[in-house]
N, C-alpha and C. Protein backbone atom coordinates (compact mmCIF):
# COMPACT_ATOMS: atom_id res chain seq x y z
N MET A 1 -25.27 -8.46 6.69
CA MET A 1 -24.23 -8.12 7.63
C MET A 1 -23.39 -6.98 7.02
N PRO A 2 -23.18 -5.90 7.73
CA PRO A 2 -22.42 -4.77 7.19
C PRO A 2 -20.93 -5.10 7.08
N SER A 3 -20.23 -4.27 6.32
CA SER A 3 -18.79 -4.50 6.16
C SER A 3 -18.06 -4.28 7.49
N ASP A 4 -16.85 -4.77 7.56
CA ASP A 4 -16.02 -4.69 8.76
C ASP A 4 -15.47 -3.26 8.87
N PRO A 5 -15.88 -2.49 9.89
CA PRO A 5 -15.43 -1.09 9.98
C PRO A 5 -13.92 -0.95 10.23
N VAL A 6 -13.32 -1.88 10.93
CA VAL A 6 -11.87 -1.82 11.18
C VAL A 6 -11.12 -2.06 9.87
N LEU A 7 -11.56 -3.05 9.11
CA LEU A 7 -10.93 -3.34 7.83
C LEU A 7 -11.14 -2.18 6.86
N THR A 8 -12.31 -1.59 6.89
CA THR A 8 -12.60 -0.44 6.02
C THR A 8 -11.70 0.75 6.36
N ALA A 9 -11.53 1.03 7.65
CA ALA A 9 -10.66 2.13 8.07
C ALA A 9 -9.21 1.87 7.67
N ALA A 10 -8.76 0.63 7.83
CA ALA A 10 -7.38 0.29 7.46
C ALA A 10 -7.18 0.40 5.95
N ALA A 11 -8.17 -0.02 5.18
CA ALA A 11 -8.08 0.10 3.72
C ALA A 11 -8.06 1.57 3.30
N ALA A 12 -8.84 2.40 3.97
CA ALA A 12 -8.84 3.84 3.67
C ALA A 12 -7.48 4.45 4.02
N ALA A 13 -6.90 4.06 5.13
CA ALA A 13 -5.57 4.56 5.51
C ALA A 13 -4.52 4.11 4.50
N PHE A 14 -4.64 2.89 4.02
CA PHE A 14 -3.73 2.35 3.01
C PHE A 14 -3.85 3.16 1.72
N ALA A 15 -5.08 3.47 1.33
CA ALA A 15 -5.30 4.28 0.12
C ALA A 15 -4.74 5.69 0.31
N PHE A 16 -4.94 6.27 1.49
CA PHE A 16 -4.38 7.59 1.78
C PHE A 16 -2.86 7.56 1.68
N ALA A 17 -2.24 6.53 2.24
CA ALA A 17 -0.78 6.40 2.19
C ALA A 17 -0.30 6.33 0.75
N ASP A 18 -1.06 5.66 -0.09
CA ASP A 18 -0.68 5.55 -1.50
C ASP A 18 -0.79 6.89 -2.23
N VAL A 19 -1.85 7.63 -1.94
CA VAL A 19 -2.01 8.96 -2.55
C VAL A 19 -0.87 9.88 -2.09
N LEU A 20 -0.59 9.85 -0.80
CA LEU A 20 0.51 10.66 -0.27
C LEU A 20 1.83 10.25 -0.91
N GLY A 21 2.10 8.96 -0.95
CA GLY A 21 3.34 8.46 -1.54
C GLY A 21 3.46 8.82 -3.02
N SER A 22 2.36 8.75 -3.73
CA SER A 22 2.38 9.12 -5.16
C SER A 22 2.72 10.59 -5.34
N ALA A 23 2.12 11.44 -4.52
CA ALA A 23 2.40 12.88 -4.61
C ALA A 23 3.87 13.16 -4.28
N VAL A 24 4.38 12.52 -3.24
CA VAL A 24 5.79 12.71 -2.86
C VAL A 24 6.70 12.18 -3.96
N ALA A 25 6.38 11.03 -4.51
CA ALA A 25 7.20 10.43 -5.57
C ALA A 25 7.27 11.35 -6.78
N MET A 26 6.15 11.93 -7.17
CA MET A 26 6.16 12.84 -8.32
C MET A 26 6.93 14.12 -8.00
N ARG A 27 6.72 14.66 -6.83
CA ARG A 27 7.38 15.92 -6.47
C ARG A 27 8.90 15.76 -6.34
N HIS A 28 9.34 14.63 -5.79
CA HIS A 28 10.77 14.42 -5.55
C HIS A 28 11.41 13.46 -6.55
N ASP A 29 10.67 13.08 -7.58
CA ASP A 29 11.17 12.19 -8.64
C ASP A 29 11.76 10.90 -8.07
N VAL A 30 10.95 10.21 -7.27
CA VAL A 30 11.37 8.95 -6.64
C VAL A 30 10.76 7.79 -7.43
N ALA A 31 11.53 7.33 -8.40
CA ALA A 31 11.06 6.24 -9.25
C ALA A 31 11.11 4.91 -8.50
N GLY A 32 10.28 3.99 -8.93
CA GLY A 32 10.33 2.64 -8.38
C GLY A 32 11.51 1.91 -8.98
N GLU A 33 12.36 1.38 -8.13
CA GLU A 33 13.53 0.62 -8.57
C GLU A 33 13.71 -0.60 -7.67
N PRO A 34 12.75 -1.53 -7.70
CA PRO A 34 12.86 -2.69 -6.80
C PRO A 34 14.18 -3.44 -7.02
N PHE A 35 14.86 -3.71 -5.92
CA PHE A 35 16.17 -4.36 -5.94
C PHE A 35 17.18 -3.59 -6.79
N GLY A 36 16.93 -2.29 -7.01
CA GLY A 36 17.85 -1.47 -7.80
C GLY A 36 17.64 -1.57 -9.30
N LEU A 37 16.60 -2.28 -9.73
CA LEU A 37 16.32 -2.43 -11.16
C LEU A 37 15.45 -1.26 -11.64
N ALA A 38 16.01 -0.44 -12.50
CA ALA A 38 15.29 0.72 -13.00
C ALA A 38 14.48 0.36 -14.24
N ILE A 39 13.30 0.93 -14.34
CA ILE A 39 12.45 0.77 -15.51
C ILE A 39 12.47 2.11 -16.24
N PRO A 40 12.69 2.10 -17.55
CA PRO A 40 12.84 3.37 -18.27
C PRO A 40 11.51 4.11 -18.47
N LEU A 41 10.92 4.54 -17.39
CA LEU A 41 9.67 5.31 -17.43
C LEU A 41 9.81 6.49 -16.48
N THR A 42 9.05 7.52 -16.74
CA THR A 42 9.00 8.61 -15.77
C THR A 42 8.21 8.14 -14.56
N VAL A 43 8.37 8.84 -13.46
CA VAL A 43 7.64 8.49 -12.24
C VAL A 43 6.14 8.57 -12.51
N ARG A 44 5.71 9.62 -13.16
CA ARG A 44 4.28 9.80 -13.46
C ARG A 44 3.74 8.65 -14.31
N SER A 45 4.50 8.25 -15.34
CA SER A 45 4.07 7.14 -16.20
C SER A 45 3.98 5.83 -15.41
N GLY A 46 4.98 5.57 -14.58
CA GLY A 46 4.95 4.36 -13.77
C GLY A 46 3.75 4.31 -12.85
N LEU A 47 3.42 5.46 -12.27
CA LEU A 47 2.24 5.53 -11.40
C LEU A 47 0.96 5.32 -12.19
N LEU A 48 0.85 5.97 -13.33
CA LEU A 48 -0.39 5.87 -14.12
C LEU A 48 -0.66 4.46 -14.62
N ILE A 49 0.38 3.73 -15.02
CA ILE A 49 0.14 2.38 -15.54
C ILE A 49 0.07 1.32 -14.44
N GLY A 50 0.23 1.75 -13.20
CA GLY A 50 0.04 0.83 -12.09
C GLY A 50 1.28 0.13 -11.60
N LEU A 51 2.46 0.70 -11.87
CA LEU A 51 3.69 0.09 -11.37
C LEU A 51 4.13 0.64 -10.02
N GLY A 52 3.55 1.74 -9.62
CA GLY A 52 3.93 2.35 -8.36
C GLY A 52 5.18 3.19 -8.51
N ALA A 53 5.76 3.57 -7.38
CA ALA A 53 6.98 4.38 -7.35
C ALA A 53 7.77 3.98 -6.11
N GLY A 54 8.89 4.65 -5.89
CA GLY A 54 9.75 4.30 -4.77
C GLY A 54 9.08 4.42 -3.42
N VAL A 55 8.11 5.31 -3.28
CA VAL A 55 7.42 5.50 -2.00
C VAL A 55 5.90 5.37 -2.16
N ALA A 56 5.46 4.68 -3.21
CA ALA A 56 4.02 4.51 -3.44
C ALA A 56 3.74 3.13 -4.02
N ALA A 57 2.75 2.48 -3.46
CA ALA A 57 2.34 1.17 -3.97
C ALA A 57 1.65 1.35 -5.32
N PRO A 58 1.64 0.31 -6.14
CA PRO A 58 0.86 0.37 -7.38
C PRO A 58 -0.61 0.63 -7.05
N TRP A 59 -1.25 1.52 -7.79
CA TRP A 59 -2.63 1.92 -7.45
C TRP A 59 -3.62 0.76 -7.41
N PRO A 60 -3.42 -0.34 -8.15
CA PRO A 60 -4.40 -1.44 -8.00
C PRO A 60 -4.45 -2.03 -6.59
N MET A 61 -3.37 -1.90 -5.82
CA MET A 61 -3.36 -2.46 -4.46
C MET A 61 -4.36 -1.76 -3.54
N PRO A 62 -4.34 -0.43 -3.41
CA PRO A 62 -5.35 0.20 -2.54
C PRO A 62 -6.76 0.08 -3.09
N VAL A 63 -6.89 0.04 -4.41
CA VAL A 63 -8.24 -0.16 -4.99
C VAL A 63 -8.77 -1.52 -4.57
N ALA A 64 -7.93 -2.55 -4.67
CA ALA A 64 -8.35 -3.90 -4.26
C ALA A 64 -8.67 -3.93 -2.77
N ALA A 65 -7.87 -3.24 -1.96
CA ALA A 65 -8.11 -3.21 -0.51
C ALA A 65 -9.45 -2.55 -0.20
N LEU A 66 -9.76 -1.46 -0.88
CA LEU A 66 -11.03 -0.77 -0.64
C LEU A 66 -12.23 -1.61 -1.09
N ILE A 67 -12.09 -2.25 -2.24
CA ILE A 67 -13.19 -3.12 -2.73
C ILE A 67 -13.37 -4.30 -1.78
N GLY A 68 -12.27 -4.92 -1.37
CA GLY A 68 -12.36 -6.05 -0.45
C GLY A 68 -12.98 -5.66 0.87
N ALA A 69 -12.60 -4.48 1.38
CA ALA A 69 -13.17 -4.02 2.65
C ALA A 69 -14.66 -3.74 2.52
N ALA A 70 -15.06 -3.20 1.38
CA ALA A 70 -16.47 -2.91 1.16
C ALA A 70 -17.30 -4.20 1.10
N ARG A 71 -16.70 -5.25 0.60
CA ARG A 71 -17.40 -6.53 0.49
C ARG A 71 -17.28 -7.40 1.74
N ALA A 72 -16.37 -7.06 2.62
CA ALA A 72 -16.12 -7.88 3.81
C ALA A 72 -17.38 -8.01 4.65
N GLY A 73 -17.67 -9.20 5.04
CA GLY A 73 -18.82 -9.44 5.90
C GLY A 73 -20.11 -9.65 5.14
N ARG A 74 -20.15 -9.27 3.89
CA ARG A 74 -21.37 -9.44 3.10
C ARG A 74 -21.47 -10.85 2.54
N LEU A 75 -20.34 -11.50 2.41
CA LEU A 75 -20.32 -12.86 1.89
C LEU A 75 -20.02 -13.82 3.03
N ARG A 76 -20.85 -14.78 3.23
CA ARG A 76 -20.60 -15.76 4.29
C ARG A 76 -19.51 -16.73 3.86
N ARG A 77 -19.70 -17.32 2.70
CA ARG A 77 -18.73 -18.30 2.22
C ARG A 77 -17.79 -17.63 1.23
N GLY A 78 -16.56 -17.99 1.30
CA GLY A 78 -15.59 -17.48 0.35
C GLY A 78 -15.20 -16.03 0.56
N ASP A 79 -15.43 -15.50 1.77
CA ASP A 79 -15.02 -14.12 2.05
C ASP A 79 -13.51 -14.10 2.24
N ALA A 80 -12.82 -13.73 1.19
CA ALA A 80 -11.36 -13.70 1.21
C ALA A 80 -10.82 -12.31 1.50
N SER A 81 -11.68 -11.39 1.92
CA SER A 81 -11.27 -10.01 2.14
C SER A 81 -10.14 -9.90 3.16
N GLY A 82 -10.23 -10.66 4.24
CA GLY A 82 -9.20 -10.62 5.27
C GLY A 82 -7.87 -11.14 4.74
N PHE A 83 -7.91 -12.26 4.03
CA PHE A 83 -6.68 -12.82 3.47
C PHE A 83 -6.06 -11.86 2.46
N MET A 84 -6.91 -11.23 1.66
CA MET A 84 -6.42 -10.27 0.68
C MET A 84 -5.75 -9.09 1.38
N ALA A 85 -6.36 -8.60 2.45
CA ALA A 85 -5.80 -7.47 3.19
C ALA A 85 -4.45 -7.83 3.79
N VAL A 86 -4.35 -9.02 4.35
CA VAL A 86 -3.07 -9.48 4.91
C VAL A 86 -2.01 -9.51 3.81
N GLY A 87 -2.37 -10.10 2.69
CA GLY A 87 -1.43 -10.20 1.57
C GLY A 87 -1.00 -8.84 1.03
N LEU A 88 -1.97 -7.94 0.87
CA LEU A 88 -1.64 -6.61 0.37
C LEU A 88 -0.76 -5.83 1.35
N GLY A 89 -1.10 -5.90 2.63
CA GLY A 89 -0.32 -5.19 3.63
C GLY A 89 1.11 -5.70 3.71
N LEU A 90 1.26 -7.02 3.80
CA LEU A 90 2.61 -7.59 3.87
C LEU A 90 3.37 -7.40 2.57
N GLY A 91 2.66 -7.49 1.45
CA GLY A 91 3.29 -7.26 0.15
C GLY A 91 3.81 -5.84 0.01
N CYS A 92 3.05 -4.89 0.52
CA CYS A 92 3.48 -3.50 0.44
C CYS A 92 4.67 -3.24 1.35
N ILE A 93 4.69 -3.86 2.51
CA ILE A 93 5.86 -3.72 3.39
C ILE A 93 7.09 -4.31 2.71
N ALA A 94 6.95 -5.49 2.11
CA ALA A 94 8.07 -6.11 1.39
C ALA A 94 8.50 -5.21 0.22
N GLY A 95 7.54 -4.66 -0.50
CA GLY A 95 7.86 -3.77 -1.60
C GLY A 95 8.61 -2.53 -1.15
N THR A 96 8.24 -2.01 -0.01
CA THR A 96 8.94 -0.84 0.54
C THR A 96 10.36 -1.21 0.90
N LEU A 97 10.56 -2.38 1.48
CA LEU A 97 11.89 -2.79 1.92
C LEU A 97 12.85 -3.06 0.76
N ILE A 98 12.33 -3.40 -0.42
CA ILE A 98 13.22 -3.70 -1.55
C ILE A 98 13.52 -2.47 -2.41
N GLU A 99 12.98 -1.34 -2.04
CA GLU A 99 13.25 -0.11 -2.78
C GLU A 99 14.51 0.57 -2.25
N PRO A 100 15.42 0.94 -3.13
CA PRO A 100 16.65 1.62 -2.68
C PRO A 100 16.39 2.89 -1.88
N VAL A 101 15.33 3.60 -2.18
CA VAL A 101 15.05 4.83 -1.43
C VAL A 101 14.85 4.53 0.05
N THR A 102 14.39 3.34 0.38
CA THR A 102 14.15 2.97 1.78
C THR A 102 15.46 2.79 2.54
N TYR A 103 16.43 2.15 1.93
CA TYR A 103 17.65 1.89 2.68
C TYR A 103 18.79 2.86 2.38
N HIS A 104 18.57 3.83 1.52
CA HIS A 104 19.53 4.92 1.31
C HIS A 104 18.96 6.18 1.95
N ARG A 105 18.98 6.20 3.26
CA ARG A 105 18.32 7.26 4.01
C ARG A 105 18.98 8.62 3.89
N ARG A 106 20.18 8.68 3.44
CA ARG A 106 20.85 9.99 3.32
C ARG A 106 20.12 10.92 2.37
N GLY A 107 19.46 10.37 1.39
CA GLY A 107 18.74 11.18 0.42
C GLY A 107 17.31 11.51 0.82
N TRP A 108 16.92 11.13 2.03
CA TRP A 108 15.55 11.37 2.46
C TRP A 108 15.30 12.84 2.75
N THR A 109 14.24 13.34 2.20
CA THR A 109 13.73 14.64 2.60
C THR A 109 12.69 14.38 3.68
N PRO A 110 12.24 15.40 4.38
CA PRO A 110 11.16 15.16 5.35
C PRO A 110 9.92 14.53 4.70
N ALA A 111 9.61 14.93 3.47
CA ALA A 111 8.44 14.37 2.79
C ALA A 111 8.63 12.89 2.49
N ILE A 112 9.82 12.50 2.04
CA ILE A 112 10.09 11.09 1.74
C ILE A 112 10.05 10.28 3.03
N ARG A 113 10.62 10.80 4.10
CA ARG A 113 10.59 10.11 5.40
C ARG A 113 9.14 9.89 5.83
N THR A 114 8.33 10.92 5.70
CA THR A 114 6.92 10.81 6.08
C THR A 114 6.21 9.78 5.21
N ALA A 115 6.44 9.83 3.90
CA ALA A 115 5.77 8.89 2.99
C ALA A 115 6.15 7.45 3.31
N VAL A 116 7.42 7.20 3.57
CA VAL A 116 7.86 5.84 3.91
C VAL A 116 7.22 5.39 5.22
N GLY A 117 7.25 6.26 6.22
CA GLY A 117 6.67 5.91 7.52
C GLY A 117 5.17 5.66 7.45
N VAL A 118 4.45 6.56 6.79
CA VAL A 118 2.99 6.39 6.66
C VAL A 118 2.67 5.13 5.88
N ASN A 119 3.45 4.85 4.85
CA ASN A 119 3.24 3.66 4.04
C ASN A 119 3.40 2.39 4.87
N VAL A 120 4.47 2.31 5.64
CA VAL A 120 4.72 1.12 6.45
C VAL A 120 3.65 0.96 7.53
N VAL A 121 3.30 2.05 8.20
CA VAL A 121 2.29 1.98 9.26
C VAL A 121 0.93 1.58 8.68
N ALA A 122 0.54 2.20 7.57
CA ALA A 122 -0.76 1.88 6.96
C ALA A 122 -0.78 0.44 6.45
N SER A 123 0.33 -0.03 5.90
CA SER A 123 0.41 -1.41 5.42
C SER A 123 0.31 -2.40 6.57
N ALA A 124 0.99 -2.10 7.67
CA ALA A 124 0.92 -2.97 8.85
C ALA A 124 -0.50 -2.97 9.42
N ALA A 125 -1.14 -1.81 9.43
CA ALA A 125 -2.53 -1.72 9.92
C ALA A 125 -3.47 -2.54 9.03
N LEU A 126 -3.25 -2.49 7.73
CA LEU A 126 -4.09 -3.26 6.82
C LEU A 126 -3.90 -4.76 7.05
N ALA A 127 -2.65 -5.18 7.20
CA ALA A 127 -2.39 -6.61 7.45
C ALA A 127 -3.01 -7.04 8.78
N ALA A 128 -2.87 -6.22 9.81
CA ALA A 128 -3.43 -6.55 11.12
C ALA A 128 -4.96 -6.59 11.07
N ALA A 129 -5.57 -5.65 10.38
CA ALA A 129 -7.04 -5.65 10.25
C ALA A 129 -7.51 -6.86 9.46
N GLY A 130 -6.74 -7.23 8.44
CA GLY A 130 -7.09 -8.42 7.68
C GLY A 130 -7.01 -9.68 8.52
N LEU A 131 -5.97 -9.78 9.33
CA LEU A 131 -5.83 -10.93 10.23
C LEU A 131 -6.97 -10.97 11.25
N ARG A 132 -7.32 -9.81 11.77
CA ARG A 132 -8.45 -9.71 12.71
C ARG A 132 -9.73 -10.19 12.04
N HIS A 133 -9.93 -9.77 10.80
CA HIS A 133 -11.12 -10.17 10.06
C HIS A 133 -11.16 -11.69 9.82
N VAL A 134 -10.03 -12.25 9.48
CA VAL A 134 -9.95 -13.69 9.25
C VAL A 134 -10.28 -14.44 10.55
N ARG A 135 -9.73 -13.99 11.65
CA ARG A 135 -9.96 -14.67 12.92
C ARG A 135 -11.39 -14.52 13.43
N SER A 136 -12.08 -13.48 12.99
CA SER A 136 -13.46 -13.27 13.45
C SER A 136 -14.46 -14.14 12.69
N ARG A 137 -14.03 -14.78 11.67
CA ARG A 137 -14.93 -15.62 10.85
C ARG A 137 -15.11 -16.97 11.46
């Protein structure tokens, strides 16, 4: 059985959103500060070690989404790809909401606005595709 094309497209969009967010975070120096807690790292270092940034999910999240989507449908029993996608999508939305850059809109540049919007839309699409995949089983 081939992988789920809807889940695959959503995972690819999620990965694209992360690449876009990472580029914006580096260009505009938008560090990850969940709940306002700063980590003494540069934005680039935080991204490289997998902590993410203010407008970018940690890179292991889109990697996991892409791997899960590639495996979706190939396993009859124990196919947790849909559940993983739901968790990653909702987790990324929650992560976006706890970042100060999200609720301090006065400092938004057009690029930051775009990165936040694309991130939320791609995360919601991933969660919805994951839920669709779970229900189709």
